[in-house]
Amino acid sequence: MFKVLVVDDDESVNMFVSRLLKKKFACNVISALNGLEALNTLKEEGADVIFLDVTMPVMNGMETLEALRSDENLKEIPVIMLTAVSEKSVVAKVMSLGVFDYMLKPLVYEVTVTRIKELFEKIKAYKIETELKKRLKEREAENLYDNRILIADTDDQFVNLLKDKIKEKYDVYTANTGADGLQLFMEKKPATVCIGEGLKIINEKLLAQKIKNFSGNYKVVIFAIKRNPVLDDEDKKVFDHVVDRNKGMQLLVNAINN
């Protein structure tokens, strides 16, 4: 799990968040009581995620965030701001400084656990995307492979049936989460992608959008596999075709072969 830096001058809050992260999420937790201490700790130990209070002595959260964003080695670390101020102007300013997200005090245990779980899922997806962008910059774009197909779907029975019907002609790669699907696309570069509904971490529409973005000038054909085979205007921007999950298996196979 993540290595997390908790920065808050209120020792009770600092301890509350630190203990919760250790107990519920098995995080490696380090702490600091103000922004200056946090920056020094980061340079020595690093961190995957930062929980940062807004109001602190010596160096407050806003000042600390600005310092983080100006440091090449620290600027990509996701920062979650802790604030007791819920006014829209304050929240808007916090978000404009490039924080990943924020949490409002006072922190209630069960609510905080649920909120952090959601944030960690988002951070996992963010880190995967960041790494993929880095890889893209480090190497030249390669042609997509016409004989490769990616199926991203949570229904193993459907996936296996489709795979059996096309595996003689194609190299088939499968994923049951959007994050795994995106990673496989970047590694295998299939020219055809079939995406089902209900994908975790990165949902189906976002996965299709990311694939479109990452494919560059190369044509990738993306099928949406839906129980209700209708594409709205937003869907049509990222999906090329839609297939009825319940009765469109052969139609999908025919479309892939064409």
Protein backbone atom coordinates (compact mmCIF):
# COMPACT_ATOMS: atom_id res chain seq x y z
CA MET A 1 0.00 0.00 0.00
CA PHE A 2 0.99 3.66 -0.09
CA LYS A 3 3.63 5.48 1.90
CA VAL A 4 1.71 8.45 3.31
CA LEU A 5 2.83 11.72 4.88
CA VAL A 6 0.29 13.27 7.28
CA VAL A 7 0.86 16.99 7.92
CA ASP A 8 -1.23 18.65 10.66
CA ASP A 9 -0.25 20.77 13.66
CA ASP A 10 -3.19 19.38 15.65
CA GLU A 11 -1.57 16.29 17.15
CA SER A 12 -4.93 14.63 17.85
CA VAL A 13 -5.95 14.93 14.18
CA ASN A 14 -2.49 13.86 13.05
CA MET A 15 -2.66 10.76 15.25
CA PHE A 16 -6.27 10.00 14.22
CA VAL A 17 -5.46 10.02 10.50
CA SER A 18 -2.16 8.17 10.96
CA ARG A 19 -3.68 5.36 13.01
CA LEU A 20 -6.61 5.01 10.64
CA LEU A 21 -4.29 4.73 7.62
CA LYS A 22 -2.20 2.07 9.33
CA LYS A 23 -5.11 0.02 10.65
CA LYS A 24 -7.55 0.18 7.73
CA PHE A 25 -5.21 0.51 4.76
CA ALA A 26 -1.88 -0.94 5.95
CA CYS A 27 -0.08 2.25 4.95
CA ASN A 28 3.46 3.15 5.88
CA VAL A 29 2.79 6.46 7.66
CA ILE A 30 5.15 9.33 8.49
CA SER A 31 4.03 12.63 9.99
CA ALA A 32 4.92 16.31 10.32
CA LEU A 33 3.46 19.18 12.34
CA ASN A 34 3.92 22.00 9.81
CA GLY A 35 4.79 22.63 6.19
CA LEU A 36 8.49 23.27 6.69
CA GLU A 37 8.89 20.03 8.60
CA ALA A 38 6.93 18.27 5.87
CA LEU A 39 9.21 19.51 3.08
CA ASN A 40 12.31 18.40 4.96
CA THR A 41 10.74 14.99 5.63
CA LEU A 42 9.80 14.57 1.97
CA LYS A 43 13.33 15.31 0.78
CA GLU A 44 14.71 12.69 3.15
CA GLU A 45 12.06 9.96 2.94
CA GLY A 46 9.67 10.71 0.07
CA ALA A 47 5.97 9.75 0.00
CA ASP A 48 3.30 8.41 -2.37
CA VAL A 49 0.46 10.52 -0.95
CA ILE A 50 0.26 13.60 1.29
CA PHE A 51 -2.58 14.58 3.66
CA LEU A 52 -2.01 18.30 4.24
CA ASP A 53 -3.75 20.62 6.70
CA VAL A 54 -4.57 24.14 5.49
CA THR A 55 -4.06 26.13 8.71
CA MET A 56 -0.68 25.57 10.41
CA PRO A 57 2.09 27.64 12.04
CA VAL A 58 5.52 28.30 10.47
CA MET A 59 4.35 27.31 6.98
CA ASN A 60 0.66 26.79 6.20
CA GLY A 61 -0.90 24.36 3.76
CA MET A 62 -1.22 26.80 0.86
CA GLU A 63 2.43 27.82 1.13
CA THR A 64 3.49 24.19 1.40
CA LEU A 65 1.47 23.23 -1.65
CA GLU A 66 3.05 26.02 -3.70
CA ALA A 67 6.50 24.81 -2.62
CA LEU A 68 5.62 21.25 -3.62
CA ARG A 69 4.39 22.30 -7.05
CA SER A 70 7.62 24.22 -7.74
CA ASP A 71 9.84 21.21 -6.93
CA GLU A 72 10.43 18.83 -9.87
CA ASN A 73 10.91 15.87 -7.53
CA LEU A 74 7.77 16.51 -5.47
CA LYS A 75 5.21 18.16 -7.75
CA GLU A 76 3.57 14.93 -8.94
CA ILE A 77 2.76 13.62 -5.44
CA PRO A 78 -1.06 13.58 -4.95
CA VAL A 79 -2.04 15.99 -2.16
CA ILE A 80 -5.28 15.71 -0.17
CA MET A 81 -6.02 18.89 1.77
CA LEU A 82 -7.56 18.79 5.24
CA THR A 83 -9.64 21.88 5.98
CA ALA A 84 -12.20 22.96 8.56
CA VAL A 85 -13.37 25.77 6.29
CA SER A 86 -16.20 24.80 3.95
CA GLU A 87 -16.77 28.17 2.23
CA LYS A 88 -16.82 27.79 -1.54
CA SER A 89 -14.17 30.48 -2.05
CA VAL A 90 -11.68 28.67 0.18
CA VAL A 91 -12.39 25.26 -1.36
CA ALA A 92 -12.09 26.77 -4.86
CA LYS A 93 -8.72 28.31 -4.00
CA VAL A 94 -7.48 24.99 -2.60
CA MET A 95 -8.54 23.14 -5.75
CA SER A 96 -7.04 25.78 -8.04
CA LEU A 97 -3.61 25.12 -6.56
CA GLY A 98 -3.58 21.63 -8.01
CA VAL A 99 -4.55 19.44 -5.07
CA PHE A 100 -5.80 15.95 -5.84
CA ASP A 101 -8.83 16.36 -3.56
CA TYR A 102 -9.83 17.60 -0.11
CA MET A 103 -11.51 16.42 3.11
CA LEU A 104 -13.54 18.54 5.51
CA LYS A 105 -12.99 18.53 9.27
CA PRO A 106 -14.15 17.43 11.76
CA LEU A 107 -13.26 13.90 10.66
CA VAL A 108 -15.73 11.15 11.59
CA TYR A 109 -14.19 7.66 11.67
CA GLU A 110 -16.49 5.63 9.39
CA VAL A 111 -17.05 8.52 6.99
CA THR A 112 -13.30 9.11 6.81
CA VAL A 113 -12.60 5.43 6.10
CA THR A 114 -15.07 5.43 3.20
CA ARG A 115 -13.73 8.71 1.84
CA ILE A 116 -10.09 7.59 1.97
CA LYS A 117 -10.99 4.31 0.26
CA GLU A 118 -12.53 6.27 -2.61
CA LEU A 119 -9.54 8.61 -2.80
CA PHE A 120 -7.04 5.76 -2.86
CA GLU A 121 -8.87 4.14 -5.77
CA LYS A 122 -8.67 7.43 -7.67
CA ILE A 123 -4.99 7.79 -6.82
CA LYS A 124 -4.23 4.28 -8.10
CA ALA A 125 -5.83 5.17 -11.43
CA TYR A 126 -4.00 8.51 -11.49
CA LYS A 127 -0.63 6.84 -10.89
CA ILE A 128 -1.23 4.31 -13.66
CA GLU A 129 -2.13 7.09 -16.09
CA THR A 130 0.90 9.16 -15.06
CA GLU A 131 3.21 6.20 -15.60
CA LEU A 132 1.70 5.49 -19.01
CA LYS A 133 2.16 9.11 -20.09
CA LYS A 134 5.77 8.91 -18.97
CA ARG A 135 6.30 5.78 -21.07
CA LEU A 136 4.77 7.47 -24.09
CA LYS A 137 7.22 10.34 -23.85
CA GLU A 138 10.16 7.98 -23.50
CA ARG A 139 9.55 5.98 -26.66
CA GLU A 140 8.33 6.63 -30.17
CA ALA A 141 4.81 5.66 -31.10
CA GLU A 142 4.51 2.22 -32.65
CA ASN A 143 1.94 0.85 -35.07
CA LEU A 144 -1.14 -0.80 -33.64
CA TYR A 145 -1.35 -4.54 -34.23
CA ASP A 146 -4.29 -5.58 -36.44
CA ASN A 147 -4.11 -9.16 -35.18
CA ARG A 148 -4.46 -8.18 -31.53
CA ILE A 149 -7.72 -7.67 -29.65
CA LEU A 150 -8.31 -6.43 -26.12
CA ILE A 151 -11.46 -7.43 -24.21
CA ALA A 152 -12.12 -5.47 -21.00
CA ASP A 153 -15.14 -6.95 -19.24
CA THR A 154 -16.14 -8.20 -15.78
CA ASP A 155 -18.15 -11.18 -17.08
CA ASP A 156 -15.65 -14.06 -17.33
CA GLN A 157 -18.16 -16.36 -19.05
CA PHE A 158 -18.85 -13.81 -21.79
CA VAL A 159 -15.14 -13.08 -22.21
CA ASN A 160 -14.20 -16.75 -22.51
CA LEU A 161 -16.98 -17.41 -25.02
CA LEU A 162 -15.93 -14.47 -27.19
CA LYS A 163 -12.28 -15.42 -26.88
CA ASP A 164 -13.00 -18.98 -28.04
CA LYS A 165 -14.75 -17.67 -31.15
CA ILE A 166 -11.90 -15.41 -32.30
CA LYS A 167 -8.69 -16.86 -30.85
CA GLU A 168 -7.78 -18.77 -34.02
CA LYS A 169 -7.44 -15.53 -35.99
CA TYR A 170 -6.37 -13.10 -33.26
CA ASP A 171 -4.12 -12.73 -30.26
CA VAL A 172 -6.65 -11.99 -27.51
CA TYR A 173 -5.84 -10.10 -24.31
CA THR A 174 -8.33 -9.79 -21.45
CA ALA A 175 -8.80 -7.54 -18.42
CA ASN A 176 -11.54 -7.27 -15.79
CA THR A 177 -10.79 -3.71 -14.64
CA GLY A 178 -10.40 -0.50 -16.60
CA ALA A 179 -6.96 0.10 -15.14
CA ASP A 180 -5.70 -3.32 -16.27
CA GLY A 181 -7.31 -2.74 -19.66
CA LEU A 182 -5.51 0.56 -20.15
CA GLN A 183 -2.19 -0.94 -19.15
CA LEU A 184 -2.66 -3.86 -21.55
CA PHE A 185 -3.56 -1.49 -24.37
CA MET A 186 -0.35 0.46 -23.86
CA GLU A 187 1.74 -2.71 -23.74
CA LYS A 188 0.12 -4.73 -26.55
CA LYS A 189 -1.26 -1.98 -28.81
CA PRO A 190 -4.29 -3.87 -30.17
CA ALA A 191 -6.17 -2.33 -33.11
CA THR A 192 -9.53 -3.56 -31.77
CA VAL A 193 -10.91 -3.10 -28.25
CA CYS A 194 -14.16 -4.49 -26.77
CA ILE A 195 -15.31 -2.81 -23.57
CA GLY A 196 -18.07 -4.03 -21.25
CA GLU A 197 -20.02 -2.21 -18.54
CA GLY A 198 -19.28 -1.77 -14.84
CA LEU A 199 -15.48 -1.63 -15.01
CA LYS A 200 -13.75 -0.71 -11.73
CA ILE A 201 -11.04 1.91 -11.02
CA ILE A 202 -11.28 3.34 -14.56
CA ASN A 203 -14.84 3.07 -15.90
CA GLU A 204 -15.73 2.01 -19.43
CA LYS A 205 -16.25 5.48 -20.90
CA LEU A 206 -13.04 6.85 -19.39
CA LEU A 207 -11.14 3.78 -20.61
CA ALA A 208 -12.39 4.34 -24.16
CA GLN A 209 -11.44 8.01 -23.96
CA LYS A 210 -7.94 7.21 -22.70
CA ILE A 211 -7.42 4.66 -25.46
CA LYS A 212 -8.52 7.21 -28.07
CA ASN A 213 -6.11 9.75 -26.61
CA PHE A 214 -3.17 7.38 -26.36
CA SER A 215 -3.65 5.84 -29.82
CA GLY A 216 -2.60 9.11 -31.45
CA ASN A 217 -2.81 9.07 -35.24
CA TYR A 218 -3.41 5.33 -35.40
CA LYS A 219 -6.94 4.02 -35.86
CA VAL A 220 -8.27 1.88 -33.03
CA VAL A 221 -11.81 0.47 -33.26
CA ILE A 222 -13.67 0.41 -29.94
CA PHE A 223 -16.82 -1.66 -29.38
CA ALA A 224 -19.17 -0.94 -26.46
CA ILE A 225 -20.77 -4.14 -25.12
CA LYS A 226 -24.03 -3.09 -23.43
CA ARG A 227 -27.22 -4.65 -22.12
CA ASN A 228 -29.06 -1.67 -23.54
CA PRO A 229 -27.32 -1.28 -26.92
CA VAL A 230 -27.75 2.47 -27.29
CA LEU A 231 -25.02 5.12 -27.45
CA ASP A 232 -25.80 8.66 -26.33
CA ASP A 233 -24.03 11.66 -27.86
CA GLU A 234 -21.19 11.48 -25.33
CA ASP A 235 -20.73 7.74 -25.89
CA LYS A 236 -20.47 8.27 -29.64
CA LYS A 237 -17.40 10.45 -29.12
CA VAL A 238 -15.39 7.51 -27.77
CA PHE A 239 -17.10 4.32 -28.99
CA ASP A 240 -17.20 3.35 -32.66
CA HIS A 241 -19.85 0.61 -32.39
CA VAL A 242 -22.29 -0.81 -29.84
CA VAL A 243 -23.27 -4.48 -29.45
CA ASP A 244 -26.14 -6.04 -27.49
CA ARG A 245 -24.55 -8.16 -24.76
CA ASN A 246 -27.52 -10.52 -24.57
CA LYS A 247 -27.90 -11.42 -28.24
CA GLY A 248 -25.11 -9.78 -30.20
CA MET A 249 -22.22 -12.22 -29.75
CA GLN A 250 -22.18 -13.38 -33.38
CA LEU A 251 -22.71 -9.83 -34.62
CA LEU A 252 -19.69 -8.78 -32.59
CA VAL A 253 -17.60 -11.63 -34.00
CA ASN A 254 -18.66 -10.71 -37.53
CA ALA A 255 -17.87 -7.04 -36.95
CA ILE A 256 -14.43 -7.89 -35.56
CA ASN A 257 -13.67 -10.09 -38.55
CA ASN A 258 -14.69 -7.35 -40.94
